[in-house]
Amino acid sequence: MYKFITMNIHKMNWKIILNNYNNYITIERNLSKNSIESYLRDLNQFSKFNSNKNPLLITRKDILEFIDHINEYEISARSQARILSSIRSFYNFLIFENKINKDPCKYIHTPKIGTKIPVTLSVREVDSIINSIDLSQSQGERNRAIIECLYSCGIRVSELIQIQISNILFQDNIIQVIGKGNQQRIVPLSKVLKKYLKNYINFIRSKQKIKKNEVDTLFLNRNGGKLSRVMIFNIVKQFSRAAGIQKKVSPHTFRHSFATHLVEGGADLRVVQEMLGHANITTTEIYTHLNTDYLRQEIINYHPRS
C-alpha cells in the first residue's frame, strides 16, 4: 500500500514539474512549437522510465541507466544526443528555479556524432522539379509557387505554411518570415517567385472560398484552410518523383540547396546565416564544406584507383 501511494506521488510530481517546464520553454524561452514537442516527448519517455522516483532526486546513475535502456533499442547517436540535450535543459530549468542545487547531468558526455552532410539539388534539378508541375491542374499554380518559395527563400516548412499575404511586400521585393522562437526576419522576393505568387493569388486563390481565420494565410488547401506540414512533404515528394530525381528529397532539401548555391556563388557566410535565420554561425558553416566533400566523394566513386 505504501509503495503504491509513493508511486502516485512521484507521478504527480513529474506531471506538475513537466507542466511548469512546459510553461517555461513556451512563455519565457519562447521556443518554437516543434522544439517544445521534441523536448516534452523526450522528457515524457524519461519520466516513464523513472516513474517511481522523485524528479528532484534523480541522480547521474538514473540518467545513465536510462541511456543504457534506450541503447537496447539501437537508437542512433544523434537521437541519443538530442534526448540527453532535453534532459539537460530540464535540469538546468530546475537549477534556475532553485528546486535542486546539483546538476545530475554533469560529467555525462554527449555521444559523438559526425557532421551530417545534407542532400542538395543542382539548379537544373530544381528547375526540372518545378517544370514537372502541370499548371492546368487546379493546384498547379499553388504547387509551383510553394516549391519556388522553398528554394528562392530558403525557408523552413513551418515558416512556409505561416506566411501571410500581408507579410509579402511586393513593392519592396521582400517577405517577412516568422522563424524559430517567433523571431522575424526578412528574405528577398525574387522576380520569378514574385510572378508565381501573383499568378496564384490573383487567378487561383481569389476564386476560393476561404475560412474566416485563414483570410490572410498565403497557401491554402482545397477547402480554404491552412496547409499542413505533411501536405508540403507530399507535394515535394510527388513532383520530385515526376521529375525523375533519385535523391531523397524533402522540403528541407530546397533550403540546403538555397544555402549551398549562395555559398558557391561567393555569398558572405554572415549574410547566409541571416537569410537562414541561424542563431549560431557554426550551423551555417556546414555549407562551406559541401563542395569539398562532394568533390572527394566523386573521386572515390569514379577514379579508377579508388
C-alpha atoms as a PDB file:
ATOM      1  CA  MET A   1       0.000   0.000   0.000  1.00  0.00           C
ATOM      2  CA  TYR A   2       2.765   2.428   0.922  1.00  0.00           C
ATOM      3  CA  LYS A   3       4.647   1.779  -2.342  1.00  0.00           C
ATOM      4  CA  PHE A   4       1.500   2.378  -4.379  1.00  0.00           C
ATOM      5  CA  ILE A   5       0.883   5.768  -2.731  1.00  0.00           C
ATOM      6  CA  THR A   6       4.534   6.772  -3.125  1.00  0.00           C
ATOM      7  CA  MET A   7       4.462   5.929  -6.826  1.00  0.00           C
ATOM      8  CA  ASN A   8       1.372   8.072  -7.343  1.00  0.00           C
ATOM      9  CA  ILE A   9       3.020  10.977  -5.555  1.00  0.00           C
ATOM     10  CA  HIS A  10       6.050  10.669  -7.829  1.00  0.00           C
ATOM     11  CA  LYS A  11       3.876  10.507 -10.932  1.00  0.00           C
ATOM     12  CA  MET A  12       2.085  13.615  -9.733  1.00  0.00           C
ATOM     13  CA  ASN A  13       5.455  15.328  -9.140  1.00  0.00           C
ATOM     14  CA  TRP A  14       6.583  14.516 -12.676  1.00  0.00           C
ATOM     15  CA  LYS A  15       3.327  15.844 -14.108  1.00  0.00           C
ATOM     16  CA  ILE A  16       3.462  19.114 -12.141  1.00  0.00           C
ATOM     17  CA  ILE A  17       7.143  19.786 -12.818  1.00  0.00           C
ATOM     18  CA  LEU A  18       6.901  18.899 -16.531  1.00  0.00           C
ATOM     19  CA  ASN A  19       3.920  21.217 -16.794  1.00  0.00           C
ATOM     20  CA  ASN A  20       5.966  24.023 -15.171  1.00  0.00           C
ATOM     21  CA  TYR A  21       8.844  23.288 -17.545  1.00  0.00           C
ATOM     22  CA  ASN A  22       6.428  23.409 -20.492  1.00  0.00           C
ATOM     23  CA  ASN A  23       5.273  26.880 -19.388  1.00  0.00           C
ATOM     24  CA  TYR A  24       8.904  27.981 -19.011  1.00  0.00           C
ATOM     25  CA  ILE A  25      10.052  26.956 -22.512  1.00  0.00           C
ATOM     26  CA  THR A  26       6.811  28.213 -24.074  1.00  0.00           C
ATOM     27  CA  ILE A  27       6.481  31.600 -22.381  1.00  0.00           C
ATOM     28  CA  GLU A  28       9.920  32.596 -21.075  1.00  0.00           C
ATOM     29  CA  ARG A  29      12.173  30.941 -23.635  1.00  0.00           C
ATOM     30  CA  ASN A  30       9.630  31.363 -26.454  1.00  0.00           C
ATOM     31  CA  LEU A  31      10.703  28.148 -28.199  1.00  0.00           C
ATOM     32  CA  SER A  32       9.020  27.011 -31.401  1.00  0.00           C
ATOM     33  CA  LYS A  33       6.130  24.555 -31.296  1.00  0.00           C
ATOM     34  CA  ASN A  34       8.301  21.811 -32.842  1.00  0.00           C
ATOM     35  CA  SER A  35      11.110  22.309 -30.292  1.00  0.00           C
ATOM     36  CA  ILE A  36       8.630  22.203 -27.403  1.00  0.00           C
ATOM     37  CA  GLU A  37       7.054  18.991 -28.707  1.00  0.00           C
ATOM     38  CA  SER A  38      10.501  17.412 -29.133  1.00  0.00           C
ATOM     39  CA  TYR A  39      11.649  18.325 -25.588  1.00  0.00           C
ATOM     40  CA  LEU A  40       8.433  17.100 -23.987  1.00  0.00           C
ATOM     41  CA  ARG A  41       8.391  13.858 -25.986  1.00  0.00           C
ATOM     42  CA  ASP A  42      11.914  13.018 -24.763  1.00  0.00           C
ATOM     43  CA  LEU A  43      11.122  14.008 -21.177  1.00  0.00           C
ATOM     44  CA  ASN A  44       7.888  12.010 -21.092  1.00  0.00           C
ATOM     45  CA  GLN A  45       9.909   8.959 -22.120  1.00  0.00           C
ATOM     46  CA  PHE A  46      12.458   9.735 -19.383  1.00  0.00           C
ATOM     47  CA  SER A  47       9.741  10.296 -16.740  1.00  0.00           C
ATOM     48  CA  LYS A  48       8.016   6.991 -17.582  1.00  0.00           C
ATOM     49  CA  PHE A  49      11.298   5.152 -17.089  1.00  0.00           C
ATOM     50  CA  ASN A  50      11.727   6.881 -13.702  1.00  0.00           C
ATOM     51  CA  SER A  51       8.036   6.998 -12.727  1.00  0.00           C
ATOM     52  CA  ASN A  52       8.694   5.541  -9.251  1.00  0.00           C
ATOM     53  CA  LYS A  53      11.336   8.185  -8.469  1.00  0.00           C
ATOM     54  CA  ASN A  54      11.073  11.788  -7.396  1.00  0.00           C
ATOM     55  CA  PRO A  55      12.201  14.011 -10.324  1.00  0.00           C
ATOM     56  CA  LEU A  56      14.039  16.263  -7.858  1.00  0.00           C
ATOM     57  CA  LEU A  57      16.082  13.329  -6.553  1.00  0.00           C
ATOM     58  CA  ILE A  58      17.215  11.907  -9.899  1.00  0.00           C
ATOM     59  CA  THR A  59      20.932  11.111  -9.926  1.00  0.00           C
ATOM     60  CA  ARG A  60      23.609  10.716 -12.560  1.00  0.00           C
ATOM     61  CA  LYS A  61      23.208   6.944 -12.171  1.00  0.00           C
ATOM     62  CA  ASP A  62      19.482   7.167 -13.009  1.00  0.00           C
ATOM     63  CA  ILE A  63      20.239   9.076 -16.206  1.00  0.00           C
ATOM     64  CA  LEU A  64      22.974   6.611 -17.233  1.00  0.00           C
ATOM     65  CA  GLU A  65      20.568   3.710 -16.643  1.00  0.00           C
ATOM     66  CA  PHE A  66      18.023   5.426 -18.888  1.00  0.00           C
ATOM     67  CA  ILE A  67      20.672   5.853 -21.599  1.00  0.00           C
ATOM     68  CA  ASP A  68      21.512   2.149 -21.315  1.00  0.00           C
ATOM     69  CA  HIS A  69      17.790   1.419 -21.635  1.00  0.00           C
ATOM     70  CA  ILE A  70      17.350   3.391 -24.880  1.00  0.00           C
ATOM     71  CA  ASN A  71      20.568   1.837 -26.204  1.00  0.00           C
ATOM     72  CA  GLU A  72      18.768  -1.520 -26.218  1.00  0.00           C
ATOM     73  CA  TYR A  73      16.540  -0.129 -28.987  1.00  0.00           C
ATOM     74  CA  GLU A  74      19.608   0.787 -31.091  1.00  0.00           C
ATOM     75  CA  ILE A  75      18.778   4.483 -31.104  1.00  0.00           C
ATOM     76  CA  SER A  76      21.272   6.483 -33.170  1.00  0.00           C
ATOM     77  CA  ALA A  77      23.961   8.664 -31.569  1.00  0.00           C
ATOM     78  CA  ARG A  78      22.196  11.732 -32.984  1.00  0.00           C
ATOM     79  CA  SER A  79      18.892  10.798 -31.306  1.00  0.00           C
ATOM     80  CA  GLN A  80      20.677   9.964 -28.034  1.00  0.00           C
ATOM     81  CA  ALA A  81      22.376  13.368 -28.115  1.00  0.00           C
ATOM     82  CA  ARG A  82      19.005  15.056 -28.645  1.00  0.00           C
ATOM     83  CA  ILE A  83      17.385  13.145 -25.755  1.00  0.00           C
ATOM     84  CA  LEU A  84      20.276  13.977 -23.433  1.00  0.00           C
ATOM     85  CA  SER A  85      20.022  17.619 -24.502  1.00  0.00           C
ATOM     86  CA  SER A  86      16.331  17.601 -23.478  1.00  0.00           C
ATOM     87  CA  ILE A  87      17.204  16.141 -20.059  1.00  0.00           C
ATOM     88  CA  ARG A  88      19.993  18.720 -19.580  1.00  0.00           C
ATOM     89  CA  SER A  89      17.594  21.526 -20.427  1.00  0.00           C
ATOM     90  CA  PHE A  90      15.047  20.188 -17.917  1.00  0.00           C
ATOM     91  CA  TYR A  91      17.578  20.026 -15.065  1.00  0.00           C
ATOM     92  CA  ASN A  92      19.014  23.436 -15.950  1.00  0.00           C
ATOM     93  CA  PHE A  93      15.462  24.721 -15.518  1.00  0.00           C
ATOM     94  CA  LEU A  94      15.192  23.065 -12.078  1.00  0.00           C
ATOM     95  CA  ILE A  95      18.509  24.640 -11.029  1.00  0.00           C
ATOM     96  CA  PHE A  96      17.322  28.014 -12.342  1.00  0.00           C
ATOM     97  CA  GLU A  97      14.121  27.643 -10.297  1.00  0.00           C
ATOM     98  CA  ASN A  98      16.163  26.674  -7.180  1.00  0.00           C
ATOM     99  CA  LYS A  99      14.423  23.304  -6.972  1.00  0.00           C
ATOM    100  CA  ILE A 100      17.784  21.477  -6.976  1.00  0.00           C
ATOM    101  CA  ASN A 101      21.355  22.635  -6.423  1.00  0.00           C
ATOM    102  CA  LYS A 102      23.281  19.860  -8.200  1.00  0.00           C
ATOM    103  CA  ASP A 103      23.120  19.023 -11.887  1.00  0.00           C
ATOM    104  CA  PRO A 104      22.707  15.231 -12.336  1.00  0.00           C
ATOM    105  CA  CYS A 105      23.770  15.595 -15.989  1.00  0.00           C
ATOM    106  CA  LYS A 106      27.200  16.864 -15.014  1.00  0.00           C
ATOM    107  CA  TYR A 107      30.034  14.642 -16.285  1.00  0.00           C
ATOM    108  CA  ILE A 108      27.684  12.759 -18.653  1.00  0.00           C
ATOM    109  CA  HIS A 109      29.236  13.032 -22.095  1.00  0.00           C
ATOM    110  CA  THR A 110      27.121  13.579 -25.181  1.00  0.00           C
ATOM    111  CA  PRO A 111      27.574  10.794 -27.780  1.00  0.00           C
ATOM    112  CA  LYS A 112      29.880  11.815 -30.608  1.00  0.00           C
ATOM    113  CA  ILE A 113      28.030  12.406 -33.847  1.00  0.00           C
ATOM    114  CA  GLY A 114      29.577  13.029 -37.220  1.00  0.00           C
ATOM    115  CA  THR A 115      28.709  16.046 -39.323  1.00  0.00           C
ATOM    116  CA  LYS A 116      25.819  15.016 -41.496  1.00  0.00           C
ATOM    117  CA  ILE A 117      26.224  16.411 -44.993  1.00  0.00           C
ATOM    118  CA  PRO A 118      22.752  17.322 -46.259  1.00  0.00           C
ATOM    119  CA  VAL A 119      21.365  16.257 -49.629  1.00  0.00           C
ATOM    120  CA  THR A 120      21.304  19.134 -52.118  1.00  0.00           C
ATOM    121  CA  LEU A 121      19.878  19.642 -55.594  1.00  0.00           C
ATOM    122  CA  SER A 122      21.546  21.289 -58.566  1.00  0.00           C
ATOM    123  CA  VAL A 123      19.859  24.302 -60.174  1.00  0.00           C
ATOM    124  CA  ARG A 124      18.932  22.041 -63.094  1.00  0.00           C
ATOM    125  CA  GLU A 125      17.285  19.529 -60.742  1.00  0.00           C
ATOM    126  CA  VAL A 126      15.293  22.283 -59.017  1.00  0.00           C
ATOM    127  CA  ASP A 127      14.129  23.536 -62.421  1.00  0.00           C
ATOM    128  CA  SER A 128      13.161  20.027 -63.530  1.00  0.00           C
ATOM    129  CA  ILE A 129      11.010  19.564 -60.391  1.00  0.00           C
ATOM    130  CA  ILE A 130       9.231  22.884 -60.989  1.00  0.00           C
ATOM    131  CA  ASN A 131       8.777  22.112 -64.701  1.00  0.00           C
ATOM    132  CA  SER A 132       7.181  18.743 -63.840  1.00  0.00           C
ATOM    133  CA  ILE A 133       4.190  20.552 -62.301  1.00  0.00           C
ATOM    134  CA  ASP A 134       1.114  20.546 -64.533  1.00  0.00           C
ATOM    135  CA  LEU A 135      -0.223  24.102 -64.405  1.00  0.00           C
ATOM    136  CA  SER A 136      -3.516  23.041 -65.979  1.00  0.00           C
ATOM    137  CA  GLN A 137      -4.354  21.177 -62.755  1.00  0.00           C
ATOM    138  CA  SER A 138      -6.395  23.070 -60.140  1.00  0.00           C
ATOM    139  CA  GLN A 139      -3.479  23.327 -57.652  1.00  0.00           C
ATOM    140  CA  GLY A 140      -0.703  23.636 -60.247  1.00  0.00           C
ATOM    141  CA  GLU A 141      -0.041  27.371 -59.760  1.00  0.00           C
ATOM    142  CA  ARG A 142      -0.085  26.952 -55.982  1.00  0.00           C
ATOM    143  CA  ASN A 143       2.310  23.979 -56.029  1.00  0.00           C
ATOM    144  CA  ARG A 144       4.755  25.775 -58.335  1.00  0.00           C
ATOM    145  CA  ALA A 145       4.717  28.829 -56.036  1.00  0.00           C
ATOM    146  CA  ILE A 146       5.285  26.600 -52.974  1.00  0.00           C
ATOM    147  CA  ILE A 147       8.375  24.872 -54.388  1.00  0.00           C
ATOM    148  CA  GLU A 148       9.804  28.112 -55.792  1.00  0.00           C
ATOM    149  CA  CYS A 149       9.252  29.738 -52.384  1.00  0.00           C
ATOM    150  CA  LEU A 150      11.102  26.916 -50.578  1.00  0.00           C
ATOM    151  CA  TYR A 151      14.055  27.289 -52.945  1.00  0.00           C
ATOM    152  CA  SER A 152      14.127  31.064 -53.582  1.00  0.00           C
ATOM    153  CA  CYS A 153      13.740  31.991 -49.917  1.00  0.00           C
ATOM    154  CA  GLY A 154      15.414  29.002 -48.210  1.00  0.00           C
ATOM    155  CA  ILE A 155      12.663  28.870 -45.592  1.00  0.00           C
ATOM    156  CA  ARG A 156      11.550  26.024 -43.321  1.00  0.00           C
ATOM    157  CA  VAL A 157       8.228  24.194 -43.813  1.00  0.00           C
ATOM    158  CA  SER A 158       6.870  25.657 -40.561  1.00  0.00           C
ATOM    159  CA  GLU A 159       7.712  29.137 -41.872  1.00  0.00           C
ATOM    160  CA  LEU A 160       6.197  28.492 -45.301  1.00  0.00           C
ATOM    161  CA  ILE A 161       2.759  27.442 -44.031  1.00  0.00           C
ATOM    162  CA  GLN A 162       2.593  30.522 -41.774  1.00  0.00           C
ATOM    163  CA  ILE A 163       3.296  33.144 -44.466  1.00  0.00           C
ATOM    164  CA  GLN A 164       0.629  35.830 -44.521  1.00  0.00           C
ATOM    165  CA  ILE A 165      -0.212  37.832 -47.641  1.00  0.00           C
ATOM    166  CA  SER A 166       0.188  40.992 -45.552  1.00  0.00           C
ATOM    167  CA  ASN A 167       3.820  39.918 -44.903  1.00  0.00           C
ATOM    168  CA  ILE A 168       4.641  39.995 -48.632  1.00  0.00           C
ATOM    169  CA  LEU A 169       5.857  43.464 -49.607  1.00  0.00           C
ATOM    170  CA  PHE A 170       5.718  43.236 -53.405  1.00  0.00           C
ATOM    171  CA  GLN A 171       6.869  46.836 -53.890  1.00  0.00           C
ATOM    172  CA  ASP A 172       9.978  46.316 -51.770  1.00  0.00           C
ATOM    173  CA  ASN A 173      10.558  42.752 -53.064  1.00  0.00           C
ATOM    174  CA  ILE A 174      10.751  41.220 -49.584  1.00  0.00           C
ATOM    175  CA  ILE A 175       8.848  38.695 -47.451  1.00  0.00           C
ATOM    176  CA  GLN A 176       8.665  38.924 -43.655  1.00  0.00           C
ATOM    177  CA  VAL A 177       9.101  35.424 -42.227  1.00  0.00           C
ATOM    178  CA  ILE A 178       8.330  34.253 -38.682  1.00  0.00           C
ATOM    179  CA  GLY A 179      11.066  31.785 -37.719  1.00  0.00           C
ATOM    180  CA  LYS A 180      12.041  29.711 -34.690  1.00  0.00           C
ATOM    181  CA  GLY A 181      11.234  31.271 -31.336  1.00  0.00           C
ATOM    182  CA  ASN A 182       8.828  33.698 -33.064  1.00  0.00           C
ATOM    183  CA  GLN A 183      11.821  35.605 -34.457  1.00  0.00           C
ATOM    184  CA  GLN A 184      11.056  37.693 -37.522  1.00  0.00           C
ATOM    185  CA  ARG A 185      13.462  38.014 -40.421  1.00  0.00           C
ATOM    186  CA  ILE A 186      13.313  39.395 -43.948  1.00  0.00           C
ATOM    187  CA  VAL A 187      14.041  37.359 -47.084  1.00  0.00           C
ATOM    188  CA  PRO A 188      14.229  38.759 -50.622  1.00  0.00           C
ATOM    189  CA  LEU A 189      11.431  38.154 -53.116  1.00  0.00           C
ATOM    190  CA  SER A 190      12.912  37.123 -56.467  1.00  0.00           C
ATOM    191  CA  LYS A 191      11.364  38.181 -59.785  1.00  0.00           C
ATOM    192  CA  VAL A 192      10.432  34.581 -60.571  1.00  0.00           C
ATOM    193  CA  LEU A 193       8.764  33.966 -57.201  1.00  0.00           C
ATOM    194  CA  LYS A 194       7.013  37.344 -57.400  1.00  0.00           C
ATOM    195  CA  LYS A 195       5.476  36.344 -60.733  1.00  0.00           C
ATOM    196  CA  TYR A 196       4.401  32.878 -59.457  1.00  0.00           C
ATOM    197  CA  LEU A 197       2.864  34.315 -56.267  1.00  0.00           C
ATOM    198  CA  LYS A 198       0.887  36.971 -58.151  1.00  0.00           C
ATOM    199  CA  ASN A 199      -0.448  34.329 -60.566  1.00  0.00           C
ATOM    200  CA  TYR A 200      -1.511  32.116 -57.660  1.00  0.00           C
ATOM    201  CA  ILE A 201      -3.048  34.931 -55.580  1.00  0.00           C
ATOM    202  CA  ASN A 202      -4.863  36.665 -58.453  1.00  0.00           C
ATOM    203  CA  PHE A 203      -6.070  33.721 -60.537  1.00  0.00           C
ATOM    204  CA  ILE A 204      -6.405  30.745 -58.142  1.00  0.00           C
ATOM    205  CA  ARG A 205      -6.621  31.842 -54.523  1.00  0.00           C
ATOM    206  CA  SER A 206      -9.029  34.727 -55.289  1.00  0.00           C
ATOM    207  CA  LYS A 207     -11.611  32.215 -56.563  1.00  0.00           C
ATOM    208  CA  GLN A 208     -11.509  30.040 -53.435  1.00  0.00           C
ATOM    209  CA  LYS A 209     -13.950  30.050 -50.570  1.00  0.00           C
ATOM    210  CA  ILE A 210     -11.611  30.839 -47.657  1.00  0.00           C
ATOM    211  CA  LYS A 211     -12.151  30.010 -43.993  1.00  0.00           C
ATOM    212  CA  LYS A 212     -12.609  33.059 -41.753  1.00  0.00           C
ATOM    213  CA  ASN A 213      -9.432  32.595 -39.712  1.00  0.00           C
ATOM    214  CA  GLU A 214      -7.287  31.957 -42.839  1.00  0.00           C
ATOM    215  CA  VAL A 215      -8.196  35.078 -44.863  1.00  0.00           C
ATOM    216  CA  ASP A 216      -4.583  36.341 -44.721  1.00  0.00           C
ATOM    217  CA  THR A 217      -2.855  32.920 -44.982  1.00  0.00           C
ATOM    218  CA  LEU A 218      -0.970  32.656 -48.279  1.00  0.00           C
ATOM    219  CA  PHE A 219      -1.043  28.962 -49.165  1.00  0.00           C
ATOM    220  CA  LEU A 220      -4.396  27.222 -48.773  1.00  0.00           C
ATOM    221  CA  ASN A 221      -5.718  23.691 -49.265  1.00  0.00           C
ATOM    222  CA  ARG A 222      -8.747  22.849 -51.428  1.00  0.00           C
ATOM    223  CA  ASN A 223     -11.095  23.620 -48.527  1.00  0.00           C
ATOM    224  CA  GLY A 224      -9.721  27.121 -47.972  1.00  0.00           C
ATOM    225  CA  GLY A 225      -7.772  26.164 -44.852  1.00  0.00           C
ATOM    226  CA  LYS A 226      -4.081  26.292 -43.940  1.00  0.00           C
ATOM    227  CA  LEU A 227      -1.849  23.632 -45.487  1.00  0.00           C
ATOM    228  CA  SER A 228      -0.268  21.106 -43.132  1.00  0.00           C
ATOM    229  CA  ARG A 229       3.431  20.209 -42.977  1.00  0.00           C
ATOM    230  CA  VAL A 230       2.562  16.706 -44.209  1.00  0.00           C
ATOM    231  CA  MET A 231       0.864  18.136 -47.288  1.00  0.00           C
ATOM    232  CA  ILE A 232       4.006  20.123 -48.189  1.00  0.00           C
ATOM    233  CA  PHE A 233       6.106  16.947 -47.825  1.00  0.00           C
ATOM    234  CA  ASN A 234       3.683  15.109 -50.127  1.00  0.00           C
ATOM    235  CA  ILE A 235       3.812  17.867 -52.751  1.00  0.00           C
ATOM    236  CA  VAL A 236       7.624  17.842 -52.776  1.00  0.00           C
ATOM    237  CA  LYS A 237       7.733  14.044 -52.937  1.00  0.00           C
ATOM    238  CA  GLN A 238       5.197  13.888 -55.767  1.00  0.00           C
ATOM    239  CA  PHE A 239       6.979  16.307 -58.090  1.00  0.00           C
ATOM    240  CA  SER A 240      10.494  15.071 -57.272  1.00  0.00           C
ATOM    241  CA  ARG A 241       9.364  11.640 -58.454  1.00  0.00           C
ATOM    242  CA  ALA A 242       7.680  13.145 -61.511  1.00  0.00           C
ATOM    243  CA  ALA A 243      10.985  14.850 -62.395  1.00  0.00           C
ATOM    244  CA  GLY A 244      12.849  11.541 -62.066  1.00  0.00           C
ATOM    245  CA  ILE A 245      15.047  12.740 -59.173  1.00  0.00           C
ATOM    246  CA  GLN A 246      16.648   9.718 -57.493  1.00  0.00           C
ATOM    247  CA  LYS A 247      17.773  11.585 -54.375  1.00  0.00           C
ATOM    248  CA  LYS A 248      15.740  11.561 -51.164  1.00  0.00           C
ATOM    249  CA  VAL A 249      14.113  14.990 -51.451  1.00  0.00           C
ATOM    250  CA  SER A 250      12.227  16.765 -48.656  1.00  0.00           C
ATOM    251  CA  PRO A 251      11.165  20.424 -48.260  1.00  0.00           C
ATOM    252  CA  HIS A 252      14.369  20.998 -46.266  1.00  0.00           C
ATOM    253  CA  THR A 253      16.413  19.864 -49.294  1.00  0.00           C
ATOM    254  CA  PHE A 254      15.456  23.120 -51.031  1.00  0.00           C
ATOM    255  CA  ARG A 255      16.693  25.075 -48.010  1.00  0.00           C
ATOM    256  CA  HIS A 256      20.031  23.232 -48.135  1.00  0.00           C
ATOM    257  CA  SER A 257      20.234  23.818 -51.897  1.00  0.00           C
ATOM    258  CA  PHE A 258      19.441  27.522 -51.470  1.00  0.00           C
ATOM    259  CA  ALA A 259      22.279  27.948 -48.942  1.00  0.00           C
ATOM    260  CA  THR A 260      24.746  25.833 -50.914  1.00  0.00           C
ATOM    261  CA  HIS A 261      24.153  27.756 -54.144  1.00  0.00           C
ATOM    262  CA  LEU A 262      24.615  31.063 -52.293  1.00  0.00           C
ATOM    263  CA  VAL A 263      27.946  29.918 -50.817  1.00  0.00           C
ATOM    264  CA  GLU A 264      29.050  28.520 -54.190  1.00  0.00           C
ATOM    265  CA  GLY A 265      28.245  31.892 -55.734  1.00  0.00           C
ATOM    266  CA  GLY A 266      30.512  33.640 -53.229  1.00  0.00           C
ATOM    267  CA  ALA A 267      27.957  34.986 -50.744  1.00  0.00           C
ATOM    268  CA  ASP A 268      29.304  36.063 -47.355  1.00  0.00           C
ATOM    269  CA  LEU A 269      28.633  33.431 -44.681  1.00  0.00           C
ATOM    270  CA  ARG A 270      27.158  36.031 -42.311  1.00  0.00           C
ATOM    271  CA  VAL A 271      24.634  37.005 -44.985  1.00  0.00           C
ATOM    272  CA  VAL A 272      23.687  33.355 -45.496  1.00  0.00           C
ATOM    273  CA  GLN A 273      23.326  32.960 -41.707  1.00  0.00           C
ATOM    274  CA  GLU A 274      20.975  35.945 -41.613  1.00  0.00           C
ATOM    275  CA  MET A 275      18.948  34.633 -44.561  1.00  0.00           C
ATOM    276  CA  LEU A 276      18.532  31.193 -42.980  1.00  0.00           C
ATOM    277  CA  GLY A 277      17.755  32.567 -39.536  1.00  0.00           C
ATOM    278  CA  HIS A 278      20.514  30.555 -37.845  1.00  0.00           C
ATOM    279  CA  ALA A 279      21.197  31.685 -34.284  1.00  0.00           C
ATOM    280  CA  ASN A 280      24.774  30.344 -34.479  1.00  0.00           C
ATOM    281  CA  ILE A 281      27.085  30.685 -37.475  1.00  0.00           C
ATOM    282  CA  THR A 282      28.556  27.211 -36.822  1.00  0.00           C
ATOM    283  CA  THR A 283      25.244  25.809 -38.094  1.00  0.00           C
ATOM    284  CA  THR A 284      25.751  27.734 -41.344  1.00  0.00           C
ATOM    285  CA  GLU A 285      29.395  26.700 -41.725  1.00  0.00           C
ATOM    286  CA  ILE A 286      28.421  23.217 -42.923  1.00  0.00           C
ATOM    287  CA  TYR A 287      27.715  24.725 -46.355  1.00  0.00           C
ATOM    288  CA  THR A 288      31.359  25.748 -46.757  1.00  0.00           C
ATOM    289  CA  HIS A 289      32.325  22.056 -46.626  1.00  0.00           C
ATOM    290  CA  LEU A 290      29.800  20.778 -49.151  1.00  0.00           C
ATOM    291  CA  ASN A 291      31.875  21.475 -52.254  1.00  0.00           C
ATOM    292  CA  THR A 292      34.959  19.755 -50.857  1.00  0.00           C
ATOM    293  CA  ASP A 293      33.030  16.734 -49.631  1.00  0.00           C
ATOM    294  CA  TYR A 294      31.149  16.416 -52.920  1.00  0.00           C
ATOM    295  CA  LEU A 295      34.401  16.555 -54.878  1.00  0.00           C
ATOM    296  CA  ARG A 296      36.021  13.967 -52.598  1.00  0.00           C
ATOM    297  CA  GLN A 297      33.038  11.612 -52.945  1.00  0.00           C
ATOM    298  CA  GLU A 298      33.033  11.957 -56.737  1.00  0.00           C
ATOM    299  CA  ILE A 299      36.737  10.973 -56.822  1.00  0.00           C
ATOM    300  CA  ILE A 300      36.041   7.969 -54.569  1.00  0.00           C
ATOM    301  CA  ASN A 301      33.132   6.896 -56.782  1.00  0.00           C
ATOM    302  CA  TYR A 302      34.709   7.324 -60.202  1.00  0.00           C
ATOM    303  CA  HIS A 303      38.508   7.348 -60.032  1.00  0.00           C
ATOM    304  CA  PRO A 304      39.990   4.009 -61.217  1.00  0.00           C
ATOM    305  CA  ARG A 305      42.465   3.901 -58.299  1.00  0.00           C
ATOM    306  CA  SER A 306      39.783   4.471 -55.602  1.00  0.00           C
END
